[in-house]
């Protein structure tokens, strides 16, 4: 039986190092990263949402809905993830960042197949650079919300990577070691469009 799986694109960052909104950058000349990310999730999830701050006002396509950050106790990506989980309890969440230009549907399908094949547990890709969890391309089971918040309090951190390490998330190997490379700065952007 297929588990209930919603998709979440995280766009709530302030893109300070990039100097412009990373969600609105286009790497292929036809669609923004926001549009591309929501389309990728739409292919593998029953519903797709965009996680953003209340002061953001993206024009969201009709196949995605908005979830505003609402969990005051945490910040950053963790706030977006928990806000989605609290807005839709009982749902598993496939979460991706908006700044992954090499991400494709095969990466998401592999993660979904791995999640479906085991009892529900937090599952993420293993970084091809340091072997640590990639928390912004991961599936967060519905039951993990309380544990995420508990670990955040216990370790006094908002860092999803540290929390996934503490929770012993199951890690999956990447087939393409660059598929989850994120682009955070103007120099990284310049390098990415040259390749």
Protein backbone atom coordinates (compact mmCIF):
# COMPACT_ATOMS: atom_id res chain seq x y z
CA UNK A 1 0.00 0.00 0.00
CA UNK A 2 1.38 3.38 -1.00
CA UNK A 3 2.01 5.68 1.94
CA UNK A 4 0.58 9.19 2.01
CA UNK A 5 3.40 11.44 0.81
CA UNK A 6 3.30 15.20 0.34
CA UNK A 7 6.10 17.29 -1.13
CA UNK A 8 7.58 20.41 0.42
CA UNK A 9 9.88 22.93 -1.27
CA UNK A 10 11.77 25.10 1.20
CA UNK A 11 12.12 28.69 -0.05
CA UNK A 12 12.15 30.60 3.24
CA UNK A 13 15.86 31.49 3.25
CA UNK A 14 16.95 35.07 2.73
CA UNK A 15 19.55 34.25 0.01
CA UNK A 16 22.00 36.76 1.51
CA UNK A 17 25.14 35.08 0.11
CA UNK A 18 23.57 34.83 -3.35
CA UNK A 19 22.43 38.46 -3.34
CA UNK A 20 19.12 37.53 -4.98
CA UNK A 21 16.31 35.10 -4.35
CA UNK A 22 17.54 31.56 -5.07
CA UNK A 23 14.00 30.33 -5.68
CA UNK A 24 13.59 32.73 -8.61
CA UNK A 25 16.84 31.83 -10.39
CA UNK A 26 16.53 29.93 -13.67
CA UNK A 27 19.29 27.52 -14.69
CA UNK A 28 17.59 26.28 -17.86
CA UNK A 29 16.19 29.58 -19.13
CA UNK A 30 12.59 28.39 -19.04
CA UNK A 31 11.57 27.96 -15.40
CA UNK A 32 12.63 29.21 -11.99
CA UNK A 33 13.98 26.88 -9.36
CA UNK A 34 10.67 27.28 -7.52
CA UNK A 35 8.73 26.14 -10.59
CA UNK A 36 11.17 23.34 -11.35
CA UNK A 37 11.24 22.06 -7.75
CA UNK A 38 7.47 21.99 -7.41
CA UNK A 39 7.15 20.17 -10.75
CA UNK A 40 9.68 17.52 -9.65
CA UNK A 41 7.75 16.91 -6.43
CA UNK A 42 4.42 16.83 -8.27
CA UNK A 43 5.67 13.78 -10.20
CA UNK A 44 6.20 11.71 -7.03
CA UNK A 45 3.89 13.18 -4.35
CA UNK A 46 0.12 13.34 -3.89
CA UNK A 47 0.20 17.05 -3.03
CA UNK A 48 2.91 19.73 -3.18
CA UNK A 49 3.47 22.69 -0.89
CA UNK A 50 5.87 25.61 -0.75
CA UNK A 51 7.25 26.52 2.65
CA UNK A 52 7.88 30.23 3.05
CA UNK A 53 8.07 33.10 5.50
CA UNK A 54 4.98 35.24 6.02
CA UNK A 55 6.70 38.24 4.41
CA UNK A 56 7.26 36.37 1.14
CA UNK A 57 4.69 36.58 -1.65
CA UNK A 58 5.55 34.20 -4.46
CA UNK A 59 3.14 33.63 -7.30
CA UNK A 60 2.58 29.91 -6.75
CA UNK A 61 1.40 27.80 -9.65
CA UNK A 62 -1.98 26.14 -9.26
CA UNK A 63 -0.44 22.75 -8.48
CA UNK A 64 1.24 23.88 -5.24
CA UNK A 65 -0.07 25.44 -2.03
CA UNK A 66 1.70 27.60 0.54
CA UNK A 67 2.54 26.74 4.13
CA UNK A 68 3.83 29.70 6.09
CA UNK A 69 6.39 29.30 8.86
CA UNK A 70 4.41 29.04 12.08
CA UNK A 71 6.53 27.17 14.66
CA UNK A 72 8.03 29.94 16.79
CA UNK A 73 10.32 27.67 18.79
CA UNK A 74 12.65 26.80 15.89
CA UNK A 75 14.20 28.62 12.93
CA UNK A 76 15.39 27.98 9.41
CA UNK A 77 14.54 24.84 7.43
CA UNK A 78 13.46 23.04 10.60
CA UNK A 79 10.72 25.64 11.08
CA UNK A 80 9.43 25.00 7.56
CA UNK A 81 9.48 21.23 8.02
CA UNK A 82 7.70 21.28 11.38
CA UNK A 83 5.17 23.88 10.18
CA UNK A 84 4.21 21.51 7.36
CA UNK A 85 3.99 18.53 9.70
CA UNK A 86 1.79 20.42 12.16
CA UNK A 87 -0.45 21.77 9.36
CA UNK A 88 -0.99 18.27 7.94
CA UNK A 89 -0.57 15.63 10.67
CA UNK A 90 -0.52 12.02 9.58
CA UNK A 91 1.32 12.82 6.35
CA UNK A 92 4.87 11.82 5.36
CA UNK A 93 6.88 14.66 3.84
CA UNK A 94 9.42 14.59 1.01
CA UNK A 95 11.36 17.79 1.64
CA UNK A 96 13.72 19.49 -0.81
CA UNK A 97 15.56 22.79 -0.87
CA UNK A 98 14.97 25.17 -3.77
CA UNK A 99 18.69 25.56 -4.54
CA UNK A 100 19.45 22.13 -6.03
CA UNK A 101 19.86 22.70 -9.78
CA UNK A 102 21.14 19.15 -10.45
CA UNK A 103 18.20 17.45 -8.74
CA UNK A 104 16.09 15.29 -11.04
CA UNK A 105 13.12 12.98 -10.70
CA UNK A 106 15.27 9.82 -10.54
CA UNK A 107 16.80 11.10 -7.28
CA UNK A 108 13.33 11.59 -5.78
CA UNK A 109 11.96 8.28 -7.05
CA UNK A 110 14.88 6.38 -5.52
CA UNK A 111 14.24 7.98 -2.13
CA UNK A 112 10.51 7.19 -2.37
CA UNK A 113 11.17 3.54 -3.31
CA UNK A 114 13.55 3.18 -0.36
CA UNK A 115 10.97 4.72 1.97
CA UNK A 116 8.20 2.45 0.68
CA UNK A 117 10.34 -0.68 1.05
CA UNK A 118 10.92 -0.37 4.80
CA UNK A 119 8.86 0.43 7.86
CA UNK A 120 8.40 4.21 7.95
CA UNK A 121 11.52 5.91 9.21
CA UNK A 122 13.35 9.13 8.59
CA UNK A 123 15.37 8.62 5.43
CA UNK A 124 17.86 10.89 3.68
CA UNK A 125 20.62 10.78 1.14
CA UNK A 126 24.18 10.40 2.33
CA UNK A 127 26.34 13.34 1.30
CA UNK A 128 28.84 12.33 -1.36
CA UNK A 129 31.31 14.79 0.22
CA UNK A 130 31.30 14.01 3.93
CA UNK A 131 28.99 11.00 4.39
CA UNK A 132 26.59 12.98 6.59
CA UNK A 133 22.80 13.17 6.08
CA UNK A 134 21.42 15.50 3.41
CA UNK A 135 18.40 16.83 5.36
CA UNK A 136 17.06 18.94 2.50
CA UNK A 137 16.40 15.99 0.24
CA UNK A 138 14.83 13.62 2.73
CA UNK A 139 11.58 11.98 3.76
CA UNK A 140 10.24 12.85 7.20
CA UNK A 141 7.63 10.34 8.41
CA UNK A 142 4.51 11.71 10.04
CA UNK A 143 5.50 10.26 13.43
CA UNK A 144 8.84 12.12 13.53
CA UNK A 145 7.56 15.65 14.31
CA UNK A 146 7.72 15.30 18.09
CA UNK A 147 11.14 13.66 17.94
CA UNK A 148 12.49 16.42 15.68
CA UNK A 149 11.36 19.07 18.15
CA UNK A 150 12.63 17.06 21.14
CA UNK A 151 16.09 16.71 19.59
CA UNK A 152 16.12 20.40 18.69
CA UNK A 153 15.45 21.28 22.32
CA UNK A 154 17.84 18.66 23.72
CA UNK A 155 20.80 19.69 21.56
CA UNK A 156 19.82 23.37 21.39
CA UNK A 157 20.07 23.38 17.60
CA UNK A 158 17.96 24.27 14.57
CA UNK A 159 20.30 22.34 12.27
CA UNK A 160 18.36 19.52 10.57
CA UNK A 161 21.60 17.68 9.71
CA UNK A 162 22.63 17.44 13.38
CA UNK A 163 19.13 16.32 14.33
CA UNK A 164 19.06 13.63 11.62
CA UNK A 165 22.42 12.37 12.89
CA UNK A 166 21.08 12.21 16.45
CA UNK A 167 17.96 10.39 15.24
CA UNK A 168 20.01 7.82 13.27
CA UNK A 169 18.22 8.56 10.01
CA UNK A 170 18.58 5.82 7.43
CA UNK A 171 20.97 7.00 4.71
CA UNK A 172 20.79 6.18 1.02
CA UNK A 173 23.74 6.39 -1.38
CA UNK A 174 23.55 8.91 -4.21
CA UNK A 175 23.81 7.49 -7.72
CA UNK A 176 25.09 10.83 -9.02
CA UNK A 177 27.47 12.46 -6.52
CA UNK A 178 26.60 15.98 -7.72
CA UNK A 179 22.81 15.56 -7.73
CA UNK A 180 22.39 17.36 -4.40
CA UNK A 181 24.99 20.09 -4.86
CA UNK A 182 23.40 23.32 -3.72
CA UNK A 183 24.22 26.76 -5.08
CA UNK A 184 24.46 29.42 -2.39
CA UNK A 185 26.78 32.13 -3.70
CA UNK A 186 27.26 34.13 -6.88
CA UNK A 187 30.57 32.35 -7.57
CA UNK A 188 28.90 28.93 -7.18
CA UNK A 189 26.18 30.12 -9.54
CA UNK A 190 28.76 31.28 -12.10
CA UNK A 191 30.51 27.91 -11.87
CA UNK A 192 27.24 25.99 -12.23
CA UNK A 193 26.16 27.73 -15.43
CA UNK A 194 29.61 27.18 -17.00
CA UNK A 195 29.29 23.40 -16.59
